[in-house]
Amino acid sequence: MEIKIVKKEISLQEVQKIAEEQYGNMVKAVVDIEKEIMAIGGELHADANELLFEKEKSDSKNVWGINIYPLEARDKWIVFDSLLNIKPLSGNRSLIIEKEEIKNKIKEIVNKLIK
């Protein structure tokens, strides 16, 4: 499964196509909240995470895993659930992102990048 690093705007149709090729109605993504980029696609969040580390030198404290459901309404299309999100040193002890400010930053980045 191909993983795409997104630094500039991509279309919702492109995201839908990636989702259809992989999970049907969902695509995994990893967002770097400092660099305001994301890696989208792949079988596991860890694969996209590794690509961001290798290609973009992302720092693990700034990288969060999400699932995007491109056919859902924009206020419901992001699910903040990933093994990558377990970061006890950052105060996040579960799969779900707990801090609202991080969730809001991710929403802002995703909505800016996917049009």
C-alpha atoms as a PDB file:
ATOM      1  CA  MET A   1       0.000   0.000   0.000  1.00  0.00           C
ATOM      2  CA  GLU A   2       1.457   3.302  -1.100  1.00  0.00           C
ATOM      3  CA  ILE A   3       2.074   6.063   1.430  1.00  0.00           C
ATOM      4  CA  LYS A   4       1.983   9.665   0.279  1.00  0.00           C
ATOM      5  CA  ILE A   5       3.589  12.566   2.131  1.00  0.00           C
ATOM      6  CA  VAL A   6       1.274  15.554   1.905  1.00  0.00           C
ATOM      7  CA  LYS A   7       2.820  19.008   2.223  1.00  0.00           C
ATOM      8  CA  LYS A   8       0.517  20.844  -0.135  1.00  0.00           C
ATOM      9  CA  GLU A   9      -3.181  20.631  -0.784  1.00  0.00           C
ATOM     10  CA  ILE A  10      -4.624  17.410  -2.219  1.00  0.00           C
ATOM     11  CA  SER A  11      -8.179  16.760  -3.315  1.00  0.00           C
ATOM     12  CA  LEU A  12     -10.791  14.957  -1.308  1.00  0.00           C
ATOM     13  CA  GLN A  13     -11.274  12.719  -4.356  1.00  0.00           C
ATOM     14  CA  GLU A  14      -7.631  11.639  -4.154  1.00  0.00           C
ATOM     15  CA  VAL A  15      -8.068  10.761  -0.476  1.00  0.00           C
ATOM     16  CA  GLN A  16     -11.227   8.812  -1.321  1.00  0.00           C
ATOM     17  CA  LYS A  17      -9.309   6.885  -3.989  1.00  0.00           C
ATOM     18  CA  ILE A  18      -6.540   6.002  -1.514  1.00  0.00           C
ATOM     19  CA  ALA A  19      -9.167   4.882   1.007  1.00  0.00           C
ATOM     20  CA  GLU A  20     -10.958   2.713  -1.560  1.00  0.00           C
ATOM     21  CA  GLU A  21      -7.705   1.026  -2.566  1.00  0.00           C
ATOM     22  CA  GLN A  22      -6.800   0.237   1.016  1.00  0.00           C
ATOM     23  CA  TYR A  23      -9.584  -0.046   3.592  1.00  0.00           C
ATOM     24  CA  GLY A  24     -12.665   0.908   1.589  1.00  0.00           C
ATOM     25  CA  ASN A  25     -14.053   3.856   3.519  1.00  0.00           C
ATOM     26  CA  MET A  26     -11.044   4.807   5.675  1.00  0.00           C
ATOM     27  CA  VAL A  27      -7.404   5.787   5.275  1.00  0.00           C
ATOM     28  CA  LYS A  28      -4.712   5.851   7.936  1.00  0.00           C
ATOM     29  CA  ALA A  29      -2.706   9.031   8.343  1.00  0.00           C
ATOM     30  CA  VAL A  30       0.058  10.374  10.534  1.00  0.00           C
ATOM     31  CA  VAL A  31       0.225  14.125  11.162  1.00  0.00           C
ATOM     32  CA  ASP A  32       3.304  16.122  12.174  1.00  0.00           C
ATOM     33  CA  ILE A  33       1.755  19.034  14.074  1.00  0.00           C
ATOM     34  CA  GLU A  34       4.988  21.044  14.086  1.00  0.00           C
ATOM     35  CA  LYS A  35       5.749  20.832  10.353  1.00  0.00           C
ATOM     36  CA  GLU A  36       2.025  20.827   9.448  1.00  0.00           C
ATOM     37  CA  ILE A  37       2.406  17.892   7.074  1.00  0.00           C
ATOM     38  CA  MET A  38       1.023  14.364   7.011  1.00  0.00           C
ATOM     39  CA  ALA A  39       1.693  10.941   5.582  1.00  0.00           C
ATOM     40  CA  ILE A  40      -1.439   9.257   4.295  1.00  0.00           C
ATOM     41  CA  GLY A  41      -1.998   5.634   3.344  1.00  0.00           C
ATOM     42  CA  GLY A  42      -0.278   2.400   4.191  1.00  0.00           C
ATOM     43  CA  GLU A  43      -1.361  -0.641   6.122  1.00  0.00           C
ATOM     44  CA  LEU A  44      -0.215   0.591   9.543  1.00  0.00           C
ATOM     45  CA  HIS A  45       0.221   3.996  11.148  1.00  0.00           C
ATOM     46  CA  ALA A  46       3.757   2.869  11.973  1.00  0.00           C
ATOM     47  CA  ASP A  47       4.612   2.655   8.258  1.00  0.00           C
ATOM     48  CA  ALA A  48       3.577   6.263   7.628  1.00  0.00           C
ATOM     49  CA  ASN A  49       5.310   7.297  10.846  1.00  0.00           C
ATOM     50  CA  GLU A  50       8.569   5.714   9.691  1.00  0.00           C
ATOM     51  CA  LEU A  51       8.344   7.490   6.336  1.00  0.00           C
ATOM     52  CA  LEU A  52       7.923  10.889   8.051  1.00  0.00           C
ATOM     53  CA  PHE A  53      10.957  10.178  10.242  1.00  0.00           C
ATOM     54  CA  GLU A  54      13.096   9.094   7.289  1.00  0.00           C
ATOM     55  CA  LYS A  55      12.068  11.641   4.669  1.00  0.00           C
ATOM     56  CA  GLU A  56      11.042  14.657   6.759  1.00  0.00           C
ATOM     57  CA  LYS A  57      13.046  14.151   9.978  1.00  0.00           C
ATOM     58  CA  SER A  58       9.858  14.425  12.038  1.00  0.00           C
ATOM     59  CA  ASP A  59      10.192  14.279  15.820  1.00  0.00           C
ATOM     60  CA  SER A  60       8.087  11.593  17.525  1.00  0.00           C
ATOM     61  CA  LYS A  61       6.691  14.048  20.077  1.00  0.00           C
ATOM     62  CA  ASN A  62       5.016  15.969  17.220  1.00  0.00           C
ATOM     63  CA  VAL A  63       3.629  13.010  15.279  1.00  0.00           C
ATOM     64  CA  TRP A  64       0.116  11.649  15.897  1.00  0.00           C
ATOM     65  CA  GLY A  65      -1.872   8.876  14.247  1.00  0.00           C
ATOM     66  CA  ILE A  66      -5.426   9.289  12.966  1.00  0.00           C
ATOM     67  CA  ASN A  67      -7.933   7.626  10.683  1.00  0.00           C
ATOM     68  CA  ILE A  68      -9.749   9.668   8.051  1.00  0.00           C
ATOM     69  CA  TYR A  69     -13.184   8.691   6.751  1.00  0.00           C
ATOM     70  CA  PRO A  70     -13.434  10.834   3.586  1.00  0.00           C
ATOM     71  CA  LEU A  71     -17.135  10.145   2.994  1.00  0.00           C
ATOM     72  CA  GLU A  72     -18.150  11.464   6.428  1.00  0.00           C
ATOM     73  CA  ALA A  73     -19.007  15.081   7.251  1.00  0.00           C
ATOM     74  CA  ARG A  74     -15.925  17.193   8.019  1.00  0.00           C
ATOM     75  CA  ASP A  75     -16.839  17.472  11.695  1.00  0.00           C
ATOM     76  CA  LYS A  76     -16.880  13.658  12.019  1.00  0.00           C
ATOM     77  CA  TRP A  77     -14.312  12.441   9.505  1.00  0.00           C
ATOM     78  CA  ILE A  78     -11.243  12.253  11.775  1.00  0.00           C
ATOM     79  CA  VAL A  79     -10.862   9.534  14.406  1.00  0.00           C
ATOM     80  CA  PHE A  80      -7.946  10.163  16.771  1.00  0.00           C
ATOM     81  CA  ASP A  81      -7.107   6.504  17.426  1.00  0.00           C
ATOM     82  CA  SER A  82      -3.679   4.897  16.938  1.00  0.00           C
ATOM     83  CA  LEU A  83      -1.009   2.959  18.804  1.00  0.00           C
ATOM     84  CA  LEU A  84       1.320   5.851  17.921  1.00  0.00           C
ATOM     85  CA  ASN A  85      -0.670   8.066  20.265  1.00  0.00           C
ATOM     86  CA  ILE A  86       0.441   6.220  23.389  1.00  0.00           C
ATOM     87  CA  LYS A  87       3.011   8.734  24.649  1.00  0.00           C
ATOM     88  CA  PRO A  88       3.229   8.645  28.449  1.00  0.00           C
ATOM     89  CA  LEU A  89       6.021  11.246  28.514  1.00  0.00           C
ATOM     90  CA  SER A  90       3.716  13.622  26.629  1.00  0.00           C
ATOM     91  CA  GLY A  91       0.824  12.897  28.977  1.00  0.00           C
ATOM     92  CA  ASN A  92      -1.119  10.730  26.501  1.00  0.00           C
ATOM     93  CA  ARG A  93      -1.589   7.253  27.939  1.00  0.00           C
ATOM     94  CA  SER A  94      -4.196   5.871  25.553  1.00  0.00           C
ATOM     95  CA  LEU A  95      -4.760   5.174  21.873  1.00  0.00           C
ATOM     96  CA  ILE A  96      -7.024   8.221  21.694  1.00  0.00           C
ATOM     97  CA  ILE A  97      -5.487  11.707  21.637  1.00  0.00           C
ATOM     98  CA  GLU A  98      -6.579  13.221  24.942  1.00  0.00           C
ATOM     99  CA  LYS A  99      -5.550  16.887  24.637  1.00  0.00           C
ATOM    100  CA  GLU A 100      -8.067  19.071  22.828  1.00  0.00           C
ATOM    101  CA  GLU A 101      -5.379  21.483  21.632  1.00  0.00           C
ATOM    102  CA  ILE A 102      -3.615  18.639  19.799  1.00  0.00           C
ATOM    103  CA  LYS A 103      -6.891  17.422  18.286  1.00  0.00           C
ATOM    104  CA  ASN A 104      -7.721  20.948  17.149  1.00  0.00           C
ATOM    105  CA  LYS A 105      -4.272  21.409  15.583  1.00  0.00           C
ATOM    106  CA  ILE A 106      -4.652  18.109  13.702  1.00  0.00           C
ATOM    107  CA  LYS A 107      -8.121  19.113  12.455  1.00  0.00           C
ATOM    108  CA  GLU A 108      -6.713  22.427  11.236  1.00  0.00           C
ATOM    109  CA  ILE A 109      -3.848  20.736   9.362  1.00  0.00           C
ATOM    110  CA  VAL A 110      -6.006  17.997   7.809  1.00  0.00           C
ATOM    111  CA  ASN A 111      -8.674  20.463   6.708  1.00  0.00           C
ATOM    112  CA  LYS A 112      -6.013  22.747   5.217  1.00  0.00           C
ATOM    113  CA  LEU A 113      -4.322  19.934   3.291  1.00  0.00           C
ATOM    114  CA  ILE A 114      -7.419  18.100   2.006  1.00  0.00           C
ATOM    115  CA  LYS A 115      -9.724  20.226  -0.166  1.00  0.00           C
END
